[in-house]
C-alpha atoms as a PDB file:
ATOM      1  CA  MET A   1     -97.997 103.612 -65.938  1.00  0.00           C
ATOM      2  CA  HIS A   2     -99.164 102.248 -62.633  1.00  0.00           C
ATOM      3  CA  ALA A   3     -97.322 101.052 -59.529  1.00  0.00           C
ATOM      4  CA  GLN A   4     -98.908  99.171 -56.663  1.00  0.00           C
ATOM      5  CA  LEU A   5     -97.435  98.005 -53.379  1.00  0.00           C
ATOM      6  CA  ALA A   6     -99.034  95.342 -51.211  1.00  0.00           C
ATOM      7  CA  PHE A   7     -97.787  93.971 -47.907  1.00  0.00           C
ATOM      8  CA  LEU A   8     -98.420  91.131 -45.483  1.00  0.00           C
ATOM      9  CA  PRO A   9     -96.298  92.563 -42.662  1.00  0.00           C
ATOM     10  CA  ASP A  10     -96.866  89.663 -40.271  1.00  0.00           C
ATOM     11  CA  LEU A  11     -95.263  87.374 -42.852  1.00  0.00           C
ATOM     12  CA  ASP A  12     -92.516  89.788 -43.947  1.00  0.00           C
ATOM     13  CA  LEU A  13     -93.902  89.733 -47.486  1.00  0.00           C
ATOM     14  CA  GLY A  14     -94.160  92.677 -49.848  1.00  0.00           C
ATOM     15  CA  VAL A  15     -95.168  92.733 -53.502  1.00  0.00           C
ATOM     16  CA  VAL A  16     -94.533  95.468 -56.068  1.00  0.00           C
ATOM     17  CA  ILE A  17     -96.627  95.394 -59.235  1.00  0.00           C
ATOM     18  CA  LEU A  18     -95.652  97.637 -62.163  1.00  0.00           C
ATOM     19  CA  THR A  19     -97.879  97.901 -65.228  1.00  0.00           C
ATOM     20  CA  ASN A  20     -98.310 100.036 -68.323  1.00  0.00           C
ATOM     21  CA  SER A  21    -102.075 100.030 -67.872  1.00  0.00           C
ATOM     22  CA  VAL A  22    -104.509 102.364 -66.202  1.00  0.00           C
ATOM     23  CA  LEU A  23    -107.257  99.743 -66.083  1.00  0.00           C
ATOM     24  CA  PHE A  24    -108.496  99.661 -62.519  1.00  0.00           C
ATOM     25  CA  GLY A  25    -108.182  96.476 -60.522  1.00  0.00           C
ATOM     26  CA  TYR A  26    -105.863  94.321 -62.591  1.00  0.00           C
ATOM     27  CA  PRO A  27    -102.684  95.055 -60.625  1.00  0.00           C
ATOM     28  CA  SER A  28    -104.636  94.016 -57.522  1.00  0.00           C
ATOM     29  CA  ALA A  29    -105.507  90.706 -59.195  1.00  0.00           C
ATOM     30  CA  ILE A  30    -101.806  90.008 -59.649  1.00  0.00           C
ATOM     31  CA  GLY A  31    -101.105  90.833 -56.006  1.00  0.00           C
ATOM     32  CA  TYR A  32    -103.987  88.672 -54.760  1.00  0.00           C
ATOM     33  CA  ARG A  33    -102.736  85.736 -56.858  1.00  0.00           C
ATOM     34  CA  ILE A  34     -99.225  86.088 -55.416  1.00  0.00           C
ATOM     35  CA  PHE A  35    -100.613  86.216 -51.875  1.00  0.00           C
ATOM     36  CA  ASP A  36    -102.803  83.163 -52.534  1.00  0.00           C
ATOM     37  CA  ALA A  37     -99.788  81.189 -53.781  1.00  0.00           C
ATOM     38  CA  PHE A  38     -97.622  82.294 -50.861  1.00  0.00           C
ATOM     39  CA  LEU A  39    -100.340  81.376 -48.351  1.00  0.00           C
ATOM     40  CA  GLY A  40    -101.025  78.006 -50.015  1.00  0.00           C
ATOM     41  CA  ARG A  41    -104.598  78.933 -50.939  1.00  0.00           C
ATOM     42  CA  PRO A  42    -106.366  77.495 -53.989  1.00  0.00           C
ATOM     43  CA  ALA A  43    -105.945  79.531 -57.164  1.00  0.00           C
ATOM     44  CA  THR A  44    -108.738  82.052 -57.721  1.00  0.00           C
ATOM     45  CA  ASP A  45    -109.374  83.838 -61.002  1.00  0.00           C
ATOM     46  CA  TRP A  46    -109.080  87.290 -59.467  1.00  0.00           C
ATOM     47  CA  SER A  47    -108.880  88.929 -62.894  1.00  0.00           C
ATOM     48  CA  ALA A  48    -112.342  87.659 -63.857  1.00  0.00           C
ATOM     49  CA  GLN A  49    -113.856  88.674 -60.526  1.00  0.00           C
ATOM     50  CA  ILE A  50    -112.326  92.137 -60.607  1.00  0.00           C
ATOM     51  CA  LYS A  51    -113.201  92.612 -64.277  1.00  0.00           C
ATOM     52  CA  GLN A  52    -116.849  91.886 -63.562  1.00  0.00           C
ATOM     53  CA  ALA A  53    -116.934  94.179 -60.515  1.00  0.00           C
ATOM     54  CA  LEU A  54    -115.037  97.058 -62.099  1.00  0.00           C
ATOM     55  CA  ASN A  55    -116.147  96.785 -65.728  1.00  0.00           C
ATOM     56  CA  PRO A  56    -118.009 100.122 -65.648  1.00  0.00           C
ATOM     57  CA  MET A  57    -114.769 101.913 -64.700  1.00  0.00           C
ATOM     58  CA  ASN A  58    -112.717 100.199 -67.370  1.00  0.00           C
ATOM     59  CA  SER A  59    -115.214 101.082 -70.102  1.00  0.00           C
ATOM     60  CA  ASP A  60    -116.857 104.290 -71.214  1.00  0.00           C
ATOM     61  CA  GLY A  61    -119.042 104.376 -68.092  1.00  0.00           C
ATOM     62  CA  GLY A  62    -116.200 105.119 -65.681  1.00  0.00           C
ATOM     63  CA  GLY A  63    -116.924 107.095 -62.563  1.00  0.00           C
ATOM     64  CA  ARG A  64    -120.680 107.517 -63.042  1.00  0.00           C
ATOM     65  CA  GLY A  65    -122.842 106.694 -60.106  1.00  0.00           C
ATOM     66  CA  PRO A  66    -126.481 106.671 -59.136  1.00  0.00           C
ATOM     67  CA  SER A  67    -128.699 109.440 -60.453  1.00  0.00           C
ATOM     68  CA  ARG A  68    -129.258 111.959 -57.716  1.00  0.00           C
ATOM     69  CA  VAL A  69    -132.712 112.047 -56.167  1.00  0.00           C
ATOM     70  CA  ALA A  70    -133.384 115.668 -55.273  1.00  0.00           C
ATOM     71  CA  GLY A  71    -134.896 116.754 -51.991  1.00  0.00           C
ATOM     72  CA  THR A  72    -133.904 113.748 -49.885  1.00  0.00           C
ATOM     73  CA  SER A  73    -132.344 113.742 -46.437  1.00  0.00           C
ATOM     74  CA  PRO A  74    -130.293 111.114 -44.640  1.00  0.00           C
ATOM     75  CA  SER A  75    -132.353 108.775 -42.452  1.00  0.00           C
ATOM     76  CA  ILE A  76    -129.448 108.583 -39.994  1.00  0.00           C
ATOM     77  CA  PRO A  77    -128.221 111.727 -38.219  1.00  0.00           C
ATOM     78  CA  ALA A  78    -124.577 112.572 -38.909  1.00  0.00           C
ATOM     79  CA  ASP A  79    -123.538 112.133 -35.266  1.00  0.00           C
ATOM     80  CA  GLN A  80    -124.701 108.497 -35.397  1.00  0.00           C
ATOM     81  CA  ILE A  81    -122.476 107.812 -38.427  1.00  0.00           C
ATOM     82  CA  VAL A  82    -119.397 109.085 -36.597  1.00  0.00           C
ATOM     83  CA  GLY A  83    -117.143 106.224 -35.548  1.00  0.00           C
ATOM     84  CA  ARG A  84    -114.492 103.740 -36.586  1.00  0.00           C
ATOM     85  CA  TYR A  85    -114.924 101.238 -39.420  1.00  0.00           C
ATOM     86  CA  ARG A  86    -112.764  98.329 -40.549  1.00  0.00           C
ATOM     87  CA  ASN A  87    -112.131  96.249 -43.654  1.00  0.00           C
ATOM     88  CA  SER A  88    -109.434  93.573 -43.893  1.00  0.00           C
ATOM     89  CA  TYR A  89    -108.201  94.967 -47.221  1.00  0.00           C
ATOM     90  CA  LEU A  90    -108.613  98.723 -46.692  1.00  0.00           C
ATOM     91  CA  GLY A  91    -107.779  98.752 -42.990  1.00  0.00           C
ATOM     92  CA  ASP A  92    -109.374 101.183 -40.578  1.00  0.00           C
ATOM     93  CA  ALA A  93    -111.372 104.260 -41.453  1.00  0.00           C
ATOM     94  CA  GLN A  94    -112.717 106.970 -39.192  1.00  0.00           C
ATOM     95  CA  VAL A  95    -115.817 109.079 -39.800  1.00  0.00           C
ATOM     96  CA  THR A  96    -115.794 112.359 -37.880  1.00  0.00           C
ATOM     97  CA  LEU A  97    -117.742 115.601 -37.772  1.00  0.00           C
ATOM     98  CA  ASP A  98    -115.855 118.798 -38.582  1.00  0.00           C
ATOM     99  CA  ASN A  99    -117.984 121.939 -38.156  1.00  0.00           C
ATOM    100  CA  GLY A 100    -121.125 119.934 -38.938  1.00  0.00           C
ATOM    101  CA  ARG A 101    -119.638 118.237 -42.014  1.00  0.00           C
ATOM    102  CA  LEU A 102    -118.938 114.496 -42.183  1.00  0.00           C
ATOM    103  CA  MET A 103    -115.293 113.672 -42.895  1.00  0.00           C
ATOM    104  CA  LEU A 104    -113.840 110.296 -43.821  1.00  0.00           C
ATOM    105  CA  GLY A 105    -110.319 109.463 -42.670  1.00  0.00           C
ATOM    106  CA  ILE A 106    -108.993 106.576 -44.762  1.00  0.00           C
ATOM    107  CA  LEU A 107    -105.653 105.525 -46.249  1.00  0.00           C
ATOM    108  CA  GLY A 108    -103.969 108.606 -44.792  1.00  0.00           C
ATOM    109  CA  LEU A 109    -106.501 111.004 -46.337  1.00  0.00           C
ATOM    110  CA  ALA A 110    -109.117 113.306 -44.808  1.00  0.00           C
ATOM    111  CA  VAL A 111    -112.019 113.313 -47.270  1.00  0.00           C
ATOM    112  CA  PRO A 112    -115.169 115.464 -46.938  1.00  0.00           C
ATOM    113  CA  LEU A 113    -118.430 113.572 -47.547  1.00  0.00           C
ATOM    114  CA  GLU A 114    -121.069 115.374 -49.606  1.00  0.00           C
ATOM    115  CA  HIS A 115    -124.638 114.178 -49.053  1.00  0.00           C
ATOM    116  CA  TRP A 116    -125.829 112.772 -52.391  1.00  0.00           C
ATOM    117  CA  HIS A 117    -129.265 111.369 -51.587  1.00  0.00           C
ATOM    118  CA  TYR A 118    -130.930 109.257 -48.898  1.00  0.00           C
ATOM    119  CA  ASP A 119    -128.051 107.579 -46.978  1.00  0.00           C
ATOM    120  CA  THR A 120    -125.558 107.871 -49.843  1.00  0.00           C
ATOM    121  CA  TYR A 121    -122.623 110.286 -49.813  1.00  0.00           C
ATOM    122  CA  ARG A 122    -120.092 111.311 -52.437  1.00  0.00           C
ATOM    123  CA  PRO A 123    -116.524 111.447 -51.070  1.00  0.00           C
ATOM    124  CA  GLN A 124    -114.693 114.558 -52.286  1.00  0.00           C
ATOM    125  CA  TRP A 125    -111.508 112.653 -53.197  1.00  0.00           C
ATOM    126  CA  PRO A 126    -108.459 114.784 -54.076  1.00  0.00           C
ATOM    127  CA  ASN A 127    -107.929 113.196 -57.511  1.00  0.00           C
ATOM    128  CA  SER A 128    -109.868 111.628 -60.360  1.00  0.00           C
ATOM    129  CA  LEU A 129    -108.359 108.148 -59.911  1.00  0.00           C
ATOM    130  CA  GLN A 130    -109.773 107.925 -56.391  1.00  0.00           C
ATOM    131  CA  ARG A 131    -113.121 109.344 -57.568  1.00  0.00           C
ATOM    132  CA  GLY A 132    -113.263 106.642 -60.233  1.00  0.00           C
ATOM    133  CA  VAL A 133    -112.484 103.817 -57.822  1.00  0.00           C
ATOM    134  CA  ALA A 134    -114.906 104.805 -55.050  1.00  0.00           C
ATOM    135  CA  PRO A 135    -117.268 107.550 -56.186  1.00  0.00           C
ATOM    136  CA  PHE A 136    -120.052 106.835 -53.658  1.00  0.00           C
ATOM    137  CA  LEU A 137    -120.399 105.627 -50.069  1.00  0.00           C
ATOM    138  CA  THR A 138    -123.642 104.367 -48.492  1.00  0.00           C
ATOM    139  CA  VAL A 139    -124.362 104.058 -44.795  1.00  0.00           C
ATOM    140  CA  GLU A 140    -125.830 100.619 -43.998  1.00  0.00           C
ATOM    141  CA  ARG A 141    -128.109  99.951 -41.014  1.00  0.00           C
ATOM    142  CA  ASP A 142    -128.916  96.779 -39.083  1.00  0.00           C
ATOM    143  CA  GLY A 143    -131.816  98.282 -37.188  1.00  0.00           C
ATOM    144  CA  PRO A 144    -133.606 101.583 -36.689  1.00  0.00           C
ATOM    145  CA  GLY A 145    -130.864 104.209 -36.627  1.00  0.00           C
ATOM    146  CA  ARG A 146    -128.097 101.719 -35.812  1.00  0.00           C
ATOM    147  CA  VAL A 147    -125.183 101.956 -38.238  1.00  0.00           C
ATOM    148  CA  ARG A 148    -123.783  98.551 -39.211  1.00  0.00           C
ATOM    149  CA  ALA A 149    -121.275  99.563 -41.893  1.00  0.00           C
ATOM    150  CA  ILE A 150    -120.303 101.974 -44.628  1.00  0.00           C
ATOM    151  CA  ARG A 151    -120.158 100.579 -48.160  1.00  0.00           C
ATOM    152  CA  PHE A 152    -118.212 101.891 -51.122  1.00  0.00           C
ATOM    153  CA  ASP A 153    -120.111 101.104 -54.274  1.00  0.00           C
ATOM    154  CA  ARG A 154    -117.037  99.553 -55.947  1.00  0.00           C
ATOM    155  CA  MET A 155    -114.662  98.732 -53.101  1.00  0.00           C
ATOM    156  CA  GLY A 156    -116.745  96.877 -50.565  1.00  0.00           C
ATOM    157  CA  GLU A 157    -117.886  97.265 -47.010  1.00  0.00           C
ATOM    158  CA  LEU A 158    -116.190  98.563 -43.887  1.00  0.00           C
ATOM    159  CA  ALA A 159    -117.872  97.184 -40.756  1.00  0.00           C
ATOM    160  CA  ARG A 160    -118.550  99.403 -37.751  1.00  0.00           C
ATOM    161  CA  VAL A 161    -116.104  98.786 -34.895  1.00  0.00           C
ATOM    162  CA  ARG A 162    -117.976  98.861 -31.583  1.00  0.00           C
END
């Protein structure tokens, strides 16, 4: 069983979606469709878009990510990754350093980031559902050493707030 809450607080709108499915993404498709209708937007086939994006999680490939390349180092020093990031769906996130370790603050959680390879990190989520939804995070640059965004491999990009 799965329950999802979604809100548009500025419009005093809240949606509760209850399903008997553990397939990732489909409750969100229902919520997006309701929001589209409420906002007078054209109908979008959110189910098809989410199915395509999340198909690996909903099949036998769930949760697997890129093969680790041994012996790599980040091209961006940790202190340059520290900062605030924003996504219209996920809200704000904060990357901090705690005793030399990168930490991601998002959705009320403090999540350690394990260096995976190059500029990719594996968030140490507290449960398997979160690990399946966003198993890897990559730091994106727009110039030498300048961090533009952080990108979850299955959830999208959070832009750097300057």
